[in-house]
Structures are given as structure tokens and as C-alpha cells.
């Protein structure tokens, strides 16, 4: 099932922008365009960027910790390291 055909049935707007060749093909075939939910796209981008930054931590990317609470602790530490200001820069 194609995701773009599935979205209207769920009354959902797209959160991923279409490539220009997909738009041109849709116009050539006489299909209607799917409109992008820009607010959802911005939120999705923020989440993706955060996940990519968290993947720089080797223990998170490879999942060395097999227990859930240990992995959650590593995620919490990595998030704190991202969100707290670096105190070495203030000197």
C-alpha cells in the first residue's frame, strides 16, 4: 500500500515533502497534489535531528546495554549532555 494513497483515508496530511519528480509525475497523470502540513514537517525534523545527535553516542547507536532501564539511563544522560550548556566554553 502506498503511503500517499493511505493518508487521505486516515484524514491525515503529509508530513514529508514530495520530490519535484513525484510532483511532476502526479501532474502529468492528472492526479491531485498532496499538501504538506508544514507544522508537522517542522516537528518531524526536530525529532529526526535530535535522534541523529543521540546516535553520536556509541552506546546508544549500538545498544550495548541490553536491559531497558540501563538503556533509558544512557538516553537520559545523552539528552542531558545535549541540553545542558557546556561549562567548559564559559572559561
PDB file of N, CA and C in Angstrom:
ATOM      1  N   UNK A   1       0.850  -1.177   0.000  1.00  0.00           N
ATOM      2  CA  UNK A   1       0.000   0.000   0.000  1.00  0.00           C
ATOM      3  C   UNK A   1       0.898   1.243   0.000  1.00  0.00           C
ATOM      4  N   UNK A   2       0.632   2.142  -0.915  1.00  0.00           N
ATOM      5  CA  UNK A   2       1.433   3.357  -0.984  1.00  0.00           C
ATOM      6  C   UNK A   2       0.990   4.316   0.105  1.00  0.00           C
ATOM      7  N   UNK A   3       1.970   4.928   0.736  1.00  0.00           N
ATOM      8  CA  UNK A   3       1.679   5.798   1.885  1.00  0.00           C
ATOM      9  C   UNK A   3       0.867   7.021   1.473  1.00  0.00           C
ATOM     10  N   UNK A   4       1.156   7.562   0.300  1.00  0.00           N
ATOM     11  CA  UNK A   4       0.416   8.748  -0.146  1.00  0.00           C
ATOM     12  C   UNK A   4      -1.048   8.428  -0.412  1.00  0.00           C
ATOM     13  N   UNK A   5      -1.356   7.225  -0.836  1.00  0.00           N
ATOM     14  CA  UNK A   5      -2.753   6.831  -1.050  1.00  0.00           C
ATOM     15  C   UNK A   5      -3.432   6.509   0.278  1.00  0.00           C
ATOM     16  N   UNK A   6      -2.657   6.114   1.249  1.00  0.00           N
ATOM     17  CA  UNK A   6      -3.191   5.737   2.559  1.00  0.00           C
ATOM     18  C   UNK A   6      -3.561   6.960   3.404  1.00  0.00           C
ATOM     19  N   UNK A   7      -2.836   8.072   3.247  1.00  0.00           N
ATOM     20  CA  UNK A   7      -3.054   9.262   4.076  1.00  0.00           C
ATOM     21  C   UNK A   7      -4.464   9.841   3.987  1.00  0.00           C
ATOM     22  N   UNK A   8      -5.033  10.041   2.799  1.00  0.00           N
ATOM     23  CA  UNK A   8      -6.380  10.629   2.742  1.00  0.00           C
ATOM     24  C   UNK A   8      -7.446   9.778   3.416  1.00  0.00           C
ATOM     25  N   UNK A   9      -7.283   8.465   3.372  1.00  0.00           N
ATOM     26  CA  UNK A   9      -8.260   7.599   4.041  1.00  0.00           C
ATOM     27  C   UNK A   9      -8.211   7.768   5.546  1.00  0.00           C
ATOM     28  N   UNK A  10      -7.052   8.149   6.079  1.00  0.00           N
ATOM     29  CA  UNK A  10      -6.902   8.367   7.512  1.00  0.00           C
ATOM     30  C   UNK A  10      -7.157   9.830   7.894  1.00  0.00           C
ATOM     31  N   UNK A  11      -7.529  10.660   6.906  1.00  0.00           N
ATOM     32  CA  UNK A  11      -7.736  12.110   7.115  1.00  0.00           C
ATOM     33  C   UNK A  11      -6.482  12.747   7.697  1.00  0.00           C
ATOM     34  N   UNK A  12      -5.340  12.369   7.146  1.00  0.00           N
ATOM     35  CA  UNK A  12      -4.049  12.858   7.610  1.00  0.00           C
ATOM     36  C   UNK A  12      -3.367  13.603   6.481  1.00  0.00           C
ATOM     37  N   UNK A  13      -2.679  14.685   6.823  1.00  0.00           N
ATOM     38  CA  UNK A  13      -1.914  15.416   5.823  1.00  0.00           C
ATOM     39  C   UNK A  13      -0.478  14.927   5.850  1.00  0.00           C
ATOM     40  N   UNK A  14       0.199  15.056   4.729  1.00  0.00           N
ATOM     41  CA  UNK A  14       1.575  14.582   4.601  1.00  0.00           C
ATOM     42  C   UNK A  14       2.505  15.431   5.466  1.00  0.00           C
ATOM     43  N   UNK A  15       3.489  14.773   6.076  1.00  0.00           N
ATOM     44  CA  UNK A  15       4.491  15.475   6.872  1.00  0.00           C
ATOM     45  C   UNK A  15       5.865  15.354   6.237  1.00  0.00           C
ATOM     46  N   UNK A  16       5.942  14.681   5.085  1.00  0.00           N
ATOM     47  CA  UNK A  16       7.201  14.523   4.371  1.00  0.00           C
ATOM     48  C   UNK A  16       7.026  15.171   3.012  1.00  0.00           C
ATOM     49  N   UNK A  17       7.879  16.125   2.657  1.00  0.00           N
ATOM     50  CA  UNK A  17       7.712  16.800   1.364  1.00  0.00           C
ATOM     51  C   UNK A  17       7.958  15.851   0.191  1.00  0.00           C
ATOM     52  N   UNK A  18       7.215  16.062  -0.891  1.00  0.00           N
ATOM     53  CA  UNK A  18       7.390  15.260  -2.097  1.00  0.00           C
ATOM     54  C   UNK A  18       8.556  15.792  -2.908  1.00  0.00           C
ATOM     55  N   UNK A  19       9.234  14.888  -3.605  1.00  0.00           N
ATOM     56  CA  UNK A  19      10.287  15.305  -4.527  1.00  0.00           C
ATOM     57  C   UNK A  19       9.632  15.934  -5.752  1.00  0.00           C
ATOM     58  N   UNK A  20      10.384  16.778  -6.450  1.00  0.00           N
ATOM     59  CA  UNK A  20       9.823  17.502  -7.599  1.00  0.00           C
ATOM     60  C   UNK A  20       9.424  16.539  -8.715  1.00  0.00           C
ATOM     61  N   UNK A  21      10.167  15.439  -8.894  1.00  0.00           N
ATOM     62  CA  UNK A  21       9.801  14.487  -9.947  1.00  0.00           C
ATOM     63  C   UNK A  21       8.498  13.767  -9.610  1.00  0.00           C
ATOM     64  N   UNK A  22       8.224  13.556  -8.329  1.00  0.00           N
ATOM     65  CA  UNK A  22       6.948  12.959  -7.932  1.00  0.00           C
ATOM     66  C   UNK A  22       5.800  13.921  -8.193  1.00  0.00           C
ATOM     67  N   UNK A  23       6.038  15.201  -7.903  1.00  0.00           N
ATOM     68  CA  UNK A  23       5.001  16.216  -8.153  1.00  0.00           C
ATOM     69  C   UNK A  23       4.707  16.304  -9.644  1.00  0.00           C
ATOM     70  N   UNK A  24       5.768  16.352 -10.473  1.00  0.00           N
ATOM     71  CA  UNK A  24       5.577  16.446 -11.924  1.00  0.00           C
ATOM     72  C   UNK A  24       4.865  15.216 -12.475  1.00  0.00           C
ATOM     73  N   UNK A  25       5.200  14.032 -11.987  1.00  0.00           N
ATOM     74  CA  UNK A  25       4.523  12.821 -12.424  1.00  0.00           C
ATOM     75  C   UNK A  25       3.054  12.820 -12.034  1.00  0.00           C
ATOM     76  N   UNK A  26       2.762  13.321 -10.860  1.00  0.00           N
ATOM     77  CA  UNK A  26       1.374  13.396 -10.398  1.00  0.00           C
ATOM     78  C   UNK A  26       0.573  14.360 -11.280  1.00  0.00           C
ATOM     79  N   UNK A  27       1.187  15.480 -11.654  1.00  0.00           N
ATOM     80  CA  UNK A  27       0.517  16.458 -12.521  1.00  0.00           C
ATOM     81  C   UNK A  27       0.290  15.867 -13.912  1.00  0.00           C
ATOM     82  N   UNK A  28       1.302  15.147 -14.448  1.00  0.00           N
ATOM     83  CA  UNK A  28       1.176  14.513 -15.762  1.00  0.00           C
ATOM     84  C   UNK A  28       0.046  13.494 -15.793  1.00  0.00           C
ATOM     85  N   UNK A  29      -0.114  12.748 -14.721  1.00  0.00           N
ATOM     86  CA  UNK A  29      -1.168  11.734 -14.670  1.00  0.00           C
ATOM     87  C   UNK A  29      -2.539  12.317 -14.348  1.00  0.00           C
ATOM     88  N   UNK A  30      -2.599  13.606 -14.032  1.00  0.00           N
ATOM     89  CA  UNK A  30      -3.867  14.250 -13.743  1.00  0.00           C
ATOM     90  C   UNK A  30      -4.348  14.036 -12.322  1.00  0.00           C
ATOM     91  N   UNK A  31      -3.452  13.586 -11.440  1.00  0.00           N
ATOM     92  CA  UNK A  31      -3.829  13.376 -10.043  1.00  0.00           C
ATOM     93  C   UNK A  31      -3.704  14.688  -9.278  1.00  0.00           C
ATOM     94  N   UNK A  32      -4.391  14.737  -8.158  1.00  0.00           N
ATOM     95  CA  UNK A  32      -4.297  15.946  -7.348  1.00  0.00           C
ATOM     96  C   UNK A  32      -3.043  15.902  -6.487  1.00  0.00           C
ATOM     97  N   UNK A  33      -2.572  17.067  -6.115  1.00  0.00           N
ATOM     98  CA  UNK A  33      -1.370  17.162  -5.282  1.00  0.00           C
ATOM     99  C   UNK A  33      -1.733  16.967  -3.825  1.00  0.00           C
ATOM    100  N   UNK A  34      -0.783  16.436  -3.072  1.00  0.00           N
ATOM    101  CA  UNK A  34      -0.935  16.314  -1.627  1.00  0.00           C
ATOM    102  C   UNK A  34      -0.279  17.526  -1.003  1.00  0.00           C
ATOM    103  N   UNK A  35      -0.989  18.174  -0.115  1.00  0.00           N
ATOM    104  CA  UNK A  35      -0.449  19.375   0.502  1.00  0.00           C
ATOM    105  C   UNK A  35       0.281  19.016   1.788  1.00  0.00           C
ATOM    106  N   UNK A  36       1.378  19.653   1.964  1.00  0.00           N
ATOM    107  CA  UNK A  36       2.275  19.373   3.080  1.00  0.00           C
ATOM    108  C   UNK A  36       1.808  20.103   4.331  1.00  0.00           C
ATOM    109  N   UNK A  37       1.756  19.400   5.437  1.00  0.00           N
ATOM    110  CA  UNK A  37       1.480  20.009   6.734  1.00  0.00           C
ATOM    111  C   UNK A  37       2.809  20.540   7.263  1.00  0.00           C
ATOM    112  N   UNK A  38       3.054  21.816   7.064  1.00  0.00           N
ATOM    113  CA  UNK A  38       4.371  22.396   7.371  1.00  0.00           C
ATOM    114  C   UNK A  38       4.698  22.335   8.858  1.00  0.00           C
ATOM    115  N   UNK A  39       3.719  22.512   9.719  1.00  0.00           N
ATOM    116  CA  UNK A  39       3.973  22.451  11.161  1.00  0.00           C
ATOM    117  C   UNK A  39       4.406  21.034  11.558  1.00  0.00           C
ATOM    118  N   UNK A  40       3.741  20.027  11.014  1.00  0.00           N
ATOM    119  CA  UNK A  40       4.121  18.641  11.308  1.00  0.00           C
ATOM    120  C   UNK A  40       5.501  18.332  10.742  1.00  0.00           C
ATOM    121  N   UNK A  41       5.814  18.892   9.590  1.00  0.00           N
ATOM    122  CA  UNK A  41       7.120  18.676   8.977  1.00  0.00           C
ATOM    123  C   UNK A  41       8.219  19.275   9.856  1.00  0.00           C
ATOM    124  N   UNK A  42       7.986  20.456  10.419  1.00  0.00           N
ATOM    125  CA  UNK A  42       8.981  21.082  11.313  1.00  0.00           C
ATOM    126  C   UNK A  42       9.188  20.252  12.573  1.00  0.00           C
ATOM    127  N   UNK A  43       8.101  19.763  13.147  1.00  0.00           N
ATOM    128  CA  UNK A  43       8.221  18.922  14.348  1.00  0.00           C
ATOM    129  C   UNK A  43       8.954  17.624  14.038  1.00  0.00           C
ATOM    130  N   UNK A  44       8.674  17.022  12.895  1.00  0.00           N
ATOM    131  CA  UNK A  44       9.333  15.791  12.492  1.00  0.00           C
ATOM    132  C   UNK A  44      10.831  16.023  12.302  1.00  0.00           C
ATOM    133  N   UNK A  45      11.191  17.152  11.736  1.00  0.00           N
ATOM    134  CA  UNK A  45      12.595  17.480  11.514  1.00  0.00           C
ATOM    135  C   UNK A  45      13.330  17.641  12.838  1.00  0.00           C
ATOM    136  N   UNK A  46      12.701  18.291  13.809  1.00  0.00           N
ATOM    137  CA  UNK A  46      13.325  18.470  15.120  1.00  0.00           C
ATOM    138  C   UNK A  46      13.596  17.112  15.774  1.00  0.00           C
ATOM    139  N   UNK A  47      12.627  16.216  15.690  1.00  0.00           N
ATOM    140  CA  UNK A  47      12.788  14.884  16.282  1.00  0.00           C
ATOM    141  C   UNK A  47      13.892  14.116  15.563  1.00  0.00           C
ATOM    142  N   UNK A  48      13.929  14.172  14.228  1.00  0.00           N
ATOM    143  CA  UNK A  48      14.956  13.466  13.473  1.00  0.00           C
ATOM    144  C   UNK A  48      16.346  13.990  13.808  1.00  0.00           C
ATOM    145  N   UNK A  49      16.492  15.306  13.928  1.00  0.00           N
ATOM    146  CA  UNK A  49      17.802  15.878  14.251  1.00  0.00           C
ATOM    147  C   UNK A  49      18.253  15.472  15.643  1.00  0.00           C
ATOM    148  N   UNK A  50      17.323  15.430  16.581  1.00  0.00           N
ATOM    149  CA  UNK A  50      17.664  15.002  17.939  1.00  0.00           C
ATOM    150  C   UNK A  50      18.114  13.544  17.944  1.00  0.00           C
ATOM    151  N   UNK A  51      17.405  12.692  17.210  1.00  0.00           N
ATOM    152  CA  UNK A  51      17.793  11.276  17.133  1.00  0.00           C
ATOM    153  C   UNK A  51      19.170  11.128  16.509  1.00  0.00           C
ATOM    154  N   UNK A  52      19.459  11.909  15.480  1.00  0.00           N
ATOM    155  CA  UNK A  52      20.774  11.838  14.843  1.00  0.00           C
ATOM    156  C   UNK A  52      21.876  12.293  15.788  1.00  0.00           C
ATOM    157  N   UNK A  53      21.611  13.314  16.598  1.00  0.00           N
ATOM    158  CA  UNK A  53      22.616  13.752  17.571  1.00  0.00           C
ATOM    159  C   UNK A  53      22.831  12.702  18.649  1.00  0.00           C
ATOM    160  N   UNK A  54      21.757  12.027  19.045  1.00  0.00           N
ATOM    161  CA  UNK A  54      21.887  10.981  20.055  1.00  0.00           C
ATOM    162  C   UNK A  54      22.669   9.781  19.523  1.00  0.00           C
ATOM    163  N   UNK A  55      22.627   9.545  18.219  1.00  0.00           N
ATOM    164  CA  UNK A  55      23.341   8.419  17.633  1.00  0.00           C
ATOM    165  C   UNK A  55      24.854   8.603  17.668  1.00  0.00           C
ATOM    166  N   UNK A  56      25.329   9.806  17.953  1.00  0.00           N
ATOM    167  CA  UNK A  56      26.766  10.034  18.076  1.00  0.00           C
ATOM    168  C   UNK A  56      27.329   9.365  19.320  1.00  0.00           C
ATOM    169  N   UNK A  57      26.474   9.025  20.251  1.00  0.00           N
ATOM    170  CA  UNK A  57      26.908   8.299  21.449  1.00  0.00           C
ATOM    171  C   UNK A  57      26.957   6.820  21.094  1.00  0.00           C
ATOM    172  N   UNK A  58      28.134   6.258  21.158  1.00  0.00           N
ATOM    173  CA  UNK A  58      28.347   4.888  20.687  1.00  0.00           C
ATOM    174  C   UNK A  58      27.466   3.875  21.419  1.00  0.00           C
ATOM    175  N   UNK A  59      27.289   4.064  22.715  1.00  0.00           N
ATOM    176  CA  UNK A  59      26.483   3.114  23.491  1.00  0.00           C
ATOM    177  C   UNK A  59      25.018   3.138  23.054  1.00  0.00           C
ATOM    178  N   UNK A  60      24.538   4.272  22.588  1.00  0.00           N
ATOM    179  CA  UNK A  60      23.151   4.350  22.121  1.00  0.00           C
ATOM    180  C   UNK A  60      23.007   3.792  20.713  1.00  0.00           C
ATOM    181  N   UNK A  61      23.962   4.121  19.864  1.00  0.00           N
ATOM    182  CA  UNK A  61      23.867   3.698  18.469  1.00  0.00           C
ATOM    183  C   UNK A  61      23.971   2.176  18.323  1.00  0.00           C
ATOM    184  N   UNK A  62      24.794   1.545  19.149  1.00  0.00           N
ATOM    185  CA  UNK A  62      24.996   0.110  19.024  1.00  0.00           C
ATOM    186  C   UNK A  62      24.198  -0.684  20.037  1.00  0.00           C
ATOM    187  N   UNK A  63      23.584  -0.003  20.972  1.00  0.00           N
ATOM    188  CA  UNK A  63      22.772  -0.613  22.024  1.00  0.00           C
ATOM    189  C   UNK A  63      23.560  -1.664  22.802  1.00  0.00           C
ATOM    190  N   UNK A  64      24.652  -1.205  23.406  1.00  0.00           N
ATOM    191  CA  UNK A  64      25.461  -2.091  24.242  1.00  0.00           C
ATOM    192  C   UNK A  64      24.669  -2.571  25.457  1.00  0.00           C
ATOM    193  N   UNK A  65      23.890  -1.684  26.053  1.00  0.00           N
ATOM    194  CA  UNK A  65      23.118  -2.033  27.247  1.00  0.00           C
ATOM    195  C   UNK A  65      21.862  -2.783  26.823  1.00  0.00           C
ATOM    196  N   UNK A  66      21.752  -4.008  27.253  1.00  0.00           N
ATOM    197  CA  UNK A  66      20.625  -4.839  26.831  1.00  0.00           C
ATOM    198  C   UNK A  66      19.399  -4.662  27.721  1.00  0.00           C
ATOM    199  N   UNK A  67      19.599  -4.231  28.941  1.00  0.00           N
ATOM    200  CA  UNK A  67      18.453  -4.033  29.831  1.00  0.00           C
ATOM    201  C   UNK A  67      17.825  -2.670  29.566  1.00  0.00           C
ATOM    202  N   UNK A  68      16.514  -2.640  29.628  1.00  0.00           N
ATOM    203  CA  UNK A  68      15.777  -1.427  29.311  1.00  0.00           C
ATOM    204  C   UNK A  68      16.109  -0.255  30.205  1.00  0.00           C
ATOM    205  N   UNK A  69      16.228  -0.490  31.495  1.00  0.00           N
ATOM    206  CA  UNK A  69      16.495   0.632  32.407  1.00  0.00           C
ATOM    207  C   UNK A  69      17.904   1.190  32.214  1.00  0.00           C
ATOM    208  N   UNK A  70      18.863   0.337  31.840  1.00  0.00           N
ATOM    209  CA  UNK A  70      20.224   0.823  31.579  1.00  0.00           C
ATOM    210  C   UNK A  70      20.260   1.650  30.301  1.00  0.00           C
ATOM    211  N   UNK A  71      19.549   1.170  29.288  1.00  0.00           N
ATOM    212  CA  UNK A  71      19.487   1.916  28.031  1.00  0.00           C
ATOM    213  C   UNK A  71      18.786   3.258  28.245  1.00  0.00           C
ATOM    214  N   UNK A  72      17.715   3.264  29.018  1.00  0.00           N
ATOM    215  CA  UNK A  72      16.999   4.510  29.320  1.00  0.00           C
ATOM    216  C   UNK A  72      17.903   5.481  30.066  1.00  0.00           C
ATOM    217  N   UNK A  73      18.722   4.969  30.962  1.00  0.00           N
ATOM    218  CA  UNK A  73      19.656   5.824  31.688  1.00  0.00           C
ATOM    219  C   UNK A  73      20.665   6.450  30.729  1.00  0.00           C
ATOM    220  N   UNK A  74      21.149   5.681  29.760  1.00  0.00           N
ATOM    221  CA  UNK A  74      22.090   6.222  28.777  1.00  0.00           C
ATOM    222  C   UNK A  74      21.424   7.282  27.905  1.00  0.00           C
ATOM    223  N   UNK A  75      20.161   7.056  27.536  1.00  0.00           N
ATOM    224  CA  UNK A  75      19.429   8.055  26.743  1.00  0.00           C
ATOM    225  C   UNK A  75      19.267   9.334  27.551  1.00  0.00           C
ATOM    226  N   UNK A  76      18.948   9.203  28.834  1.00  0.00           N
ATOM    227  CA  UNK A  76      18.782  10.368  29.698  1.00  0.00           C
ATOM    228  C   UNK A  76      20.088  11.146  29.831  1.00  0.00           C
ATOM    229  N   UNK A  77      21.188  10.431  30.029  1.00  0.00           N
ATOM    230  CA  UNK A  77      22.487  11.099  30.134  1.00  0.00           C
ATOM    231  C   UNK A  77      22.867  11.797  28.832  1.00  0.00           C
ATOM    232  N   UNK A  78      22.610  11.166  27.713  1.00  0.00           N
ATOM    233  CA  UNK A  78      22.922  11.775  26.422  1.00  0.00           C
ATOM    234  C   UNK A  78      22.063  13.022  26.186  1.00  0.00           C
ATOM    235  N   UNK A  79      20.779  12.961  26.557  1.00  0.00           N
ATOM    236  CA  UNK A  79      19.902  14.131  26.412  1.00  0.00           C
ATOM    237  C   UNK A  79      20.366  15.274  27.302  1.00  0.00           C
ATOM    238  N   UNK A  80      20.748  14.946  28.518  1.00  0.00           N
ATOM    239  CA  UNK A  80      21.253  15.989  29.413  1.00  0.00           C
ATOM    240  C   UNK A  80      22.503  16.634  28.847  1.00  0.00           C
ATOM    241  N   UNK A  81      23.362  15.818  28.250  1.00  0.00           N
ATOM    242  CA  UNK A  81      24.580  16.361  27.665  1.00  0.00           C
ATOM    243  C   UNK A  81      24.259  17.284  26.488  1.00  0.00           C
ATOM    244  N   UNK A  82      23.198  16.977  25.744  1.00  0.00           N
ATOM    245  CA  UNK A  82      22.802  17.838  24.624  1.00  0.00           C
ATOM    246  C   UNK A  82      22.167  19.139  25.108  1.00  0.00           C
ATOM    247  N   UNK A  83      21.318  19.047  26.134  1.00  0.00           N
ATOM    248  CA  UNK A  83      20.504  20.192  26.527  1.00  0.00           C
ATOM    249  C   UNK A  83      21.186  21.127  27.509  1.00  0.00           C
ATOM    250  N   UNK A  84      22.070  20.609  28.340  1.00  0.00           N
ATOM    251  CA  UNK A  84      22.743  21.475  29.302  1.00  0.00           C
ATOM    252  C   UNK A  84      23.882  22.201  28.608  1.00  0.00           C
ATOM    253  N   UNK A  85      24.106  23.454  28.963  1.00  0.00           N
ATOM    254  CA  UNK A  85      25.211  24.184  28.332  1.00  0.00           C
ATOM    255  C   UNK A  85      26.546  23.573  28.718  1.00  0.00           C
ATOM    256  N   UNK A  86      27.480  23.641  27.813  1.00  0.00           N
ATOM    257  CA  UNK A  86      28.813  23.113  28.072  1.00  0.00           C
ATOM    258  C   UNK A  86      29.561  24.094  28.968  1.00  0.00           C
ATOM    259  N   UNK A  87      29.919  23.675  30.172  1.00  0.00           N
ATOM    260  CA  UNK A  87      30.542  24.592  31.140  1.00  0.00           C
ATOM    261  C   UNK A  87      31.992  24.869  30.791  1.00  0.00           C
ATOM    262  N   UNK A  88      32.587  24.088  29.895  1.00  0.00           N
ATOM    263  CA  UNK A  88      33.993  24.352  29.526  1.00  0.00           C
ATOM    264  C   UNK A  88      34.100  25.548  28.593  1.00  0.00           C
ATOM    265  N   UNK A  89      33.014  25.928  27.923  1.00  0.00           N
ATOM    266  CA  UNK A  89      33.051  27.070  26.999  1.00  0.00           C
ATOM    267  C   UNK A  89      33.010  28.412  27.712  1.00  0.00           C
ATOM    268  N   UNK A  90      32.597  28.440  28.973  1.00  0.00           N
ATOM    269  CA  UNK A  90      32.440  29.710  29.678  1.00  0.00           C
ATOM    270  C   UNK A  90      33.770  30.228  30.237  1.00  0.00           C
ATOM    271  N   UNK A  91      34.782  29.409  30.297  1.00  0.00           N
ATOM    272  CA  UNK A  91      36.072  29.825  30.867  1.00  0.00           C
ATOM    273  C   UNK A  91      36.870  30.683  29.948  1.00  0.00           C
TER     274      UNK A  91
END
